[in-house]
Protein backbone atom coordinates (compact mmCIF):
# COMPACT_ATOMS: atom_id res chain seq x y z
CA UNK A 1 -12.58 -15.86 2.57
CA UNK A 2 -8.91 -16.58 3.15
CA UNK A 3 -7.12 -19.49 1.56
CA UNK A 4 -6.10 -20.98 4.90
CA UNK A 5 -7.81 -21.79 8.14
CA UNK A 6 -6.07 -20.25 11.13
CA UNK A 7 -6.72 -20.31 14.84
CA UNK A 8 -5.57 -18.25 17.75
CA UNK A 9 -4.75 -14.57 18.20
CA UNK A 10 -2.64 -12.20 16.15
CA UNK A 11 -1.47 -8.83 17.44
CA UNK A 12 -0.55 -6.21 14.87
CA UNK A 13 0.99 -3.07 16.32
CA UNK A 14 0.54 -0.41 13.68
CA UNK A 15 -2.48 -2.09 12.12
CA UNK A 16 -4.88 0.76 11.36
CA UNK A 17 -3.64 1.67 7.88
CA UNK A 18 -1.54 0.51 4.96
CA UNK A 19 0.18 -2.84 5.16
CA UNK A 20 -0.77 -3.45 8.80
CA UNK A 21 -4.44 -3.07 8.00
CA UNK A 22 -4.19 -5.32 4.93
CA UNK A 23 -2.47 -7.98 7.04
CA UNK A 24 -5.13 -7.72 9.75
CA UNK A 25 -7.86 -8.23 7.16
CA UNK A 26 -6.09 -11.28 5.73
CA UNK A 27 -5.56 -12.93 9.11
CA UNK A 28 -9.14 -12.22 10.20
CA UNK A 29 -10.48 -13.66 6.94
CA UNK A 30 -8.40 -16.77 7.59
CA UNK A 31 -10.07 -17.26 10.99
CA UNK A 32 -7.87 -15.56 13.57
CA UNK A 33 -8.84 -13.17 16.31
CA UNK A 34 -6.84 -10.00 15.65
CA UNK A 35 -5.84 -7.09 17.87
CA UNK A 36 -4.73 -3.97 15.99
CA UNK A 37 -3.24 -0.85 17.51
CA UNK A 38 -3.00 2.79 16.56
CA UNK A 39 -2.22 5.92 18.48
CA UNK A 40 -5.88 7.01 18.56
CA UNK A 41 -8.37 4.73 20.30
CA UNK A 42 -11.42 5.84 18.34
CA UNK A 43 -9.71 5.35 15.00
CA UNK A 44 -8.32 1.95 16.01
CA UNK A 45 -11.76 0.79 17.08
CA UNK A 46 -13.39 2.18 13.93
CA UNK A 47 -10.89 0.44 11.65
CA UNK A 48 -11.32 -2.82 13.57
CA UNK A 49 -15.09 -2.65 13.11
CA UNK A 50 -14.63 -2.03 9.39
CA UNK A 51 -12.41 -5.10 9.02
CA UNK A 52 -14.70 -7.50 10.85
CA UNK A 53 -16.16 -8.84 14.09
CA UNK A 54 -13.07 -10.80 15.12
CA UNK A 55 -10.87 -7.68 15.10
CA UNK A 56 -10.39 -5.41 18.10
CA UNK A 57 -8.71 -1.99 18.13
CA UNK A 58 -6.65 -0.53 20.96
CA UNK A 59 -4.68 2.68 21.51
CA UNK A 60 -0.92 2.26 21.80
CA UNK A 61 2.03 4.55 21.06
CA UNK A 62 5.31 2.69 20.79
CA UNK A 63 7.16 5.96 21.27
CA UNK A 64 5.83 5.96 24.84
CA UNK A 65 7.17 2.57 25.95
CA UNK A 66 6.18 2.97 29.60
CA UNK A 67 2.52 2.84 28.50
CA UNK A 68 2.78 -0.36 26.46
CA UNK A 69 2.19 -2.84 29.30
CA UNK A 70 -1.11 -1.27 30.27
CA UNK A 71 -2.27 -1.06 26.66
CA UNK A 72 -1.67 -4.78 26.13
CA UNK A 73 -2.80 -5.95 29.56
CA UNK A 74 -5.93 -7.78 28.36
CA UNK A 75 -4.24 -9.71 25.55
CA UNK A 76 -4.22 -13.22 26.96
CA UNK A 77 -2.20 -15.25 24.46
CA UNK A 78 -0.39 -14.52 21.20
CA UNK A 79 0.20 -16.81 18.23
CA UNK A 80 1.46 -14.10 15.86
CA UNK A 81 2.96 -10.73 16.70
CA UNK A 82 3.68 -8.23 13.94
CA UNK A 83 5.23 -4.90 14.88
CA UNK A 84 4.72 -2.68 11.86
CA UNK A 85 4.32 0.79 13.40
CA UNK A 86 6.44 3.33 11.58
CA UNK A 87 7.05 7.04 11.41
CA UNK A 88 8.97 8.59 8.55
CA UNK A 89 11.51 11.13 9.70
CA UNK A 90 13.28 13.25 7.07
CA UNK A 91 16.06 14.28 9.42
CA UNK A 92 19.47 14.79 7.87
CA UNK A 93 22.57 15.25 9.95
CA UNK A 94 23.11 18.84 8.75
CA UNK A 95 19.67 19.95 10.01
CA UNK A 96 19.39 17.43 12.83
CA UNK A 97 16.19 17.58 14.88
CA UNK A 98 16.92 15.93 18.22
CA UNK A 99 13.27 15.65 19.28
CA UNK A 100 12.19 13.89 16.08
CA UNK A 101 15.22 11.62 16.14
CA UNK A 102 14.65 10.71 19.78
CA UNK A 103 11.00 9.86 19.12
CA UNK A 104 11.81 7.58 16.18
CA UNK A 105 14.69 5.83 17.97
CA UNK A 106 12.46 5.30 21.00
CA UNK A 107 9.56 4.01 18.89
CA UNK A 108 11.57 1.64 16.76
CA UNK A 109 14.20 0.28 19.12
CA UNK A 110 12.86 0.68 22.66
CA UNK A 111 9.15 0.45 21.77
CA UNK A 112 9.52 -2.63 19.58
CA UNK A 113 11.60 -4.40 22.23
CA UNK A 114 9.26 -3.39 25.05
CA UNK A 115 6.23 -4.74 23.16
CA UNK A 116 7.95 -8.11 22.82
CA UNK A 117 9.00 -7.98 26.48
CA UNK A 118 5.45 -7.25 27.63
CA UNK A 119 4.00 -10.15 25.66
CA UNK A 120 6.83 -12.66 26.04
CA UNK A 121 5.10 -14.82 28.64
CA UNK A 122 1.92 -14.93 26.56
CA UNK A 123 3.45 -16.37 23.40
CA UNK A 124 2.24 -19.86 22.55
CA UNK A 125 4.99 -22.48 22.01
CA UNK A 126 4.64 -22.19 18.22
CA UNK A 127 4.34 -18.40 18.18
CA UNK A 128 6.13 -16.27 15.63
CA UNK A 129 7.10 -12.61 15.48
CA UNK A 130 7.76 -10.30 12.54
CA UNK A 131 9.34 -6.89 13.04
CA UNK A 132 9.23 -4.32 10.25
CA UNK A 133 12.39 -2.52 9.23
CA UNK A 134 12.97 -1.00 5.81
CA UNK A 135 15.32 -0.91 2.87
CA UNK A 136 16.81 2.42 3.99
CA UNK A 137 18.95 0.18 6.19
CA UNK A 138 21.00 -0.67 3.08
CA UNK A 139 20.05 2.14 0.69
CA UNK A 140 20.17 5.46 2.52
CA UNK A 141 18.84 8.68 1.03
CA UNK A 142 19.18 12.37 1.95
CA UNK A 143 17.55 12.85 5.33
CA UNK A 144 17.49 9.15 6.26
CA UNK A 145 20.11 9.28 9.01
CA UNK A 146 17.73 8.20 11.78
CA UNK A 147 15.60 5.91 9.61
CA UNK A 148 18.66 4.08 8.28
CA UNK A 149 20.10 3.72 11.77
CA UNK A 150 16.97 2.33 13.43
CA UNK A 151 16.27 -0.11 10.60
CA UNK A 152 19.82 -1.38 10.99
CA UNK A 153 19.02 -1.85 14.66
CA UNK A 154 15.98 -3.97 13.78
CA UNK A 155 18.21 -6.23 11.68
CA UNK A 156 20.28 -6.97 14.77
CA UNK A 157 17.36 -7.12 17.18
CA UNK A 158 15.80 -10.14 15.47
CA UNK A 159 18.91 -12.21 16.13
CA UNK A 160 19.09 -11.54 19.85
CA UNK A 161 15.32 -11.98 20.26
CA UNK A 162 15.36 -15.28 18.39
CA UNK A 163 18.06 -16.48 20.75
CA UNK A 164 16.35 -15.29 23.93
CA UNK A 165 12.81 -16.35 23.04
CA UNK A 166 13.50 -19.79 21.55
CA UNK A 167 11.50 -21.73 20.42
CA UNK A 168 9.47 -18.65 19.43
CA UNK A 169 10.67 -17.56 15.99
CA UNK A 170 11.59 -13.93 15.29
CA UNK A 171 12.19 -12.48 11.83
CA UNK A 172 12.29 -9.04 10.22
CA UNK A 173 10.81 -7.81 6.96
CA UNK A 174 12.44 -4.91 5.12
CA UNK A 175 10.18 -3.59 2.34
CA UNK A 176 11.32 -1.39 -0.49
CA UNK A 177 9.00 1.34 -1.73
CA UNK A 178 5.47 -0.07 -1.80
CA UNK A 179 3.94 1.76 -4.73
CA UNK A 180 0.26 1.15 -3.96
CA UNK A 181 0.50 2.02 -0.26
CA UNK A 182 -1.10 5.22 1.06
CA UNK A 183 2.35 6.76 1.55
CA UNK A 184 3.47 6.32 -2.06
CA UNK A 185 0.53 5.83 -4.44
CA UNK A 186 0.15 9.53 -5.32
CA UNK A 187 3.88 10.16 -5.79
CA UNK A 188 6.07 9.88 -8.87
CA UNK A 189 8.14 6.73 -8.61
CA UNK A 190 9.68 6.68 -12.09
CA UNK A 191 13.24 6.75 -10.76
CA UNK A 192 12.58 3.86 -8.39
CA UNK A 193 10.91 1.83 -11.15
CA UNK A 194 13.80 2.50 -13.52
CA UNK A 195 16.28 0.86 -11.17
CA UNK A 196 14.06 -2.05 -10.12
CA UNK A 197 14.66 -5.22 -12.18
CA UNK A 198 11.01 -6.29 -12.07
CA UNK A 199 10.03 -3.02 -13.74
CA UNK A 200 7.70 -1.82 -10.99
CA UNK A 201 7.56 -1.25 -7.27
CA UNK A 202 6.44 -3.98 -4.89
CA UNK A 203 2.80 -4.11 -3.77
CA UNK A 204 1.05 -4.25 -0.42
CA UNK A 205 -0.23 -7.71 -1.32
CA UNK A 206 3.34 -8.89 -1.85
CA UNK A 207 4.43 -7.48 1.50
CA UNK A 208 1.48 -9.16 3.21
CA UNK A 209 2.41 -12.44 1.50
CA UNK A 210 6.01 -12.12 2.65
CA UNK A 211 4.86 -11.42 6.20
CA UNK A 212 2.66 -14.52 6.19
CA UNK A 213 5.61 -16.57 4.93
CA UNK A 214 7.74 -15.42 7.85
CA UNK A 215 4.92 -16.05 10.31
CA UNK A 216 4.13 -19.52 8.97
CA UNK A 217 7.37 -21.18 7.88
CA UNK A 218 8.71 -23.05 10.89
CA UNK A 219 12.21 -23.33 9.48
CA UNK A 220 12.76 -19.60 9.05
CA UNK A 221 14.21 -17.87 12.10
CA UNK A 222 16.44 -14.83 12.79
CA UNK A 223 16.17 -13.81 9.13
CA UNK A 224 16.12 -10.34 7.59
CA UNK A 225 14.00 -10.61 4.45
CA UNK A 226 14.29 -7.87 1.81
CA UNK A 227 11.23 -7.45 -0.39
CA UNK A 228 12.18 -4.74 -2.87
CA UNK A 229 11.92 -6.22 -6.35
CA UNK A 230 15.70 -6.50 -6.57
CA UNK A 231 16.63 -2.82 -6.37
CA UNK A 232 19.91 -3.61 -4.63
CA UNK A 233 21.35 -5.25 -7.76
CA UNK A 234 21.19 -1.98 -9.70
């Protein structure tokens, strides 16, 4: 059981694996109805069934923004919206792949914005939104040209959305490397750990906790929250 009692509906776009799935499980355990999305309908529905009876899975690809309205057409009201869908694109400027770059830019900047646009008239007065960026915004790495750029765009997007959607709150979460996530748990992270003051990478549970903080705290708005264990000080 969750520690809190929640009501209403949460929508998690990118909720079939990793942090999105963990967040969906937490919100469902706390009492919310949850809609999760993935690109494949069967997988989204299977994951939803695994999490619990108050979770529903739908197919949605944020990189195809013209399809988002239809995919979300039967979502009646939204108390929490989390847009966590991500694709990692190792695409340096010297070997630039236009198709991959275009897909990621469309997914992250147009798709995220279109999802909020589609749902904007269904947000409850106390609704809150969390968009996922990433620490590459401030700490680029070889091949991160597109990733760094789009995450920087998310940091600006939350400010304009918070202004346009008031009183709905809009914040962004920028995780560092999440060592126990499916993407990273089998990889050597010694270098990352060595430059992280807490002596380890951050965990999925900590990212979920930070997301809940942004969703719940009524005084936090238009904020970009870094959750990286302090790597930027080294």
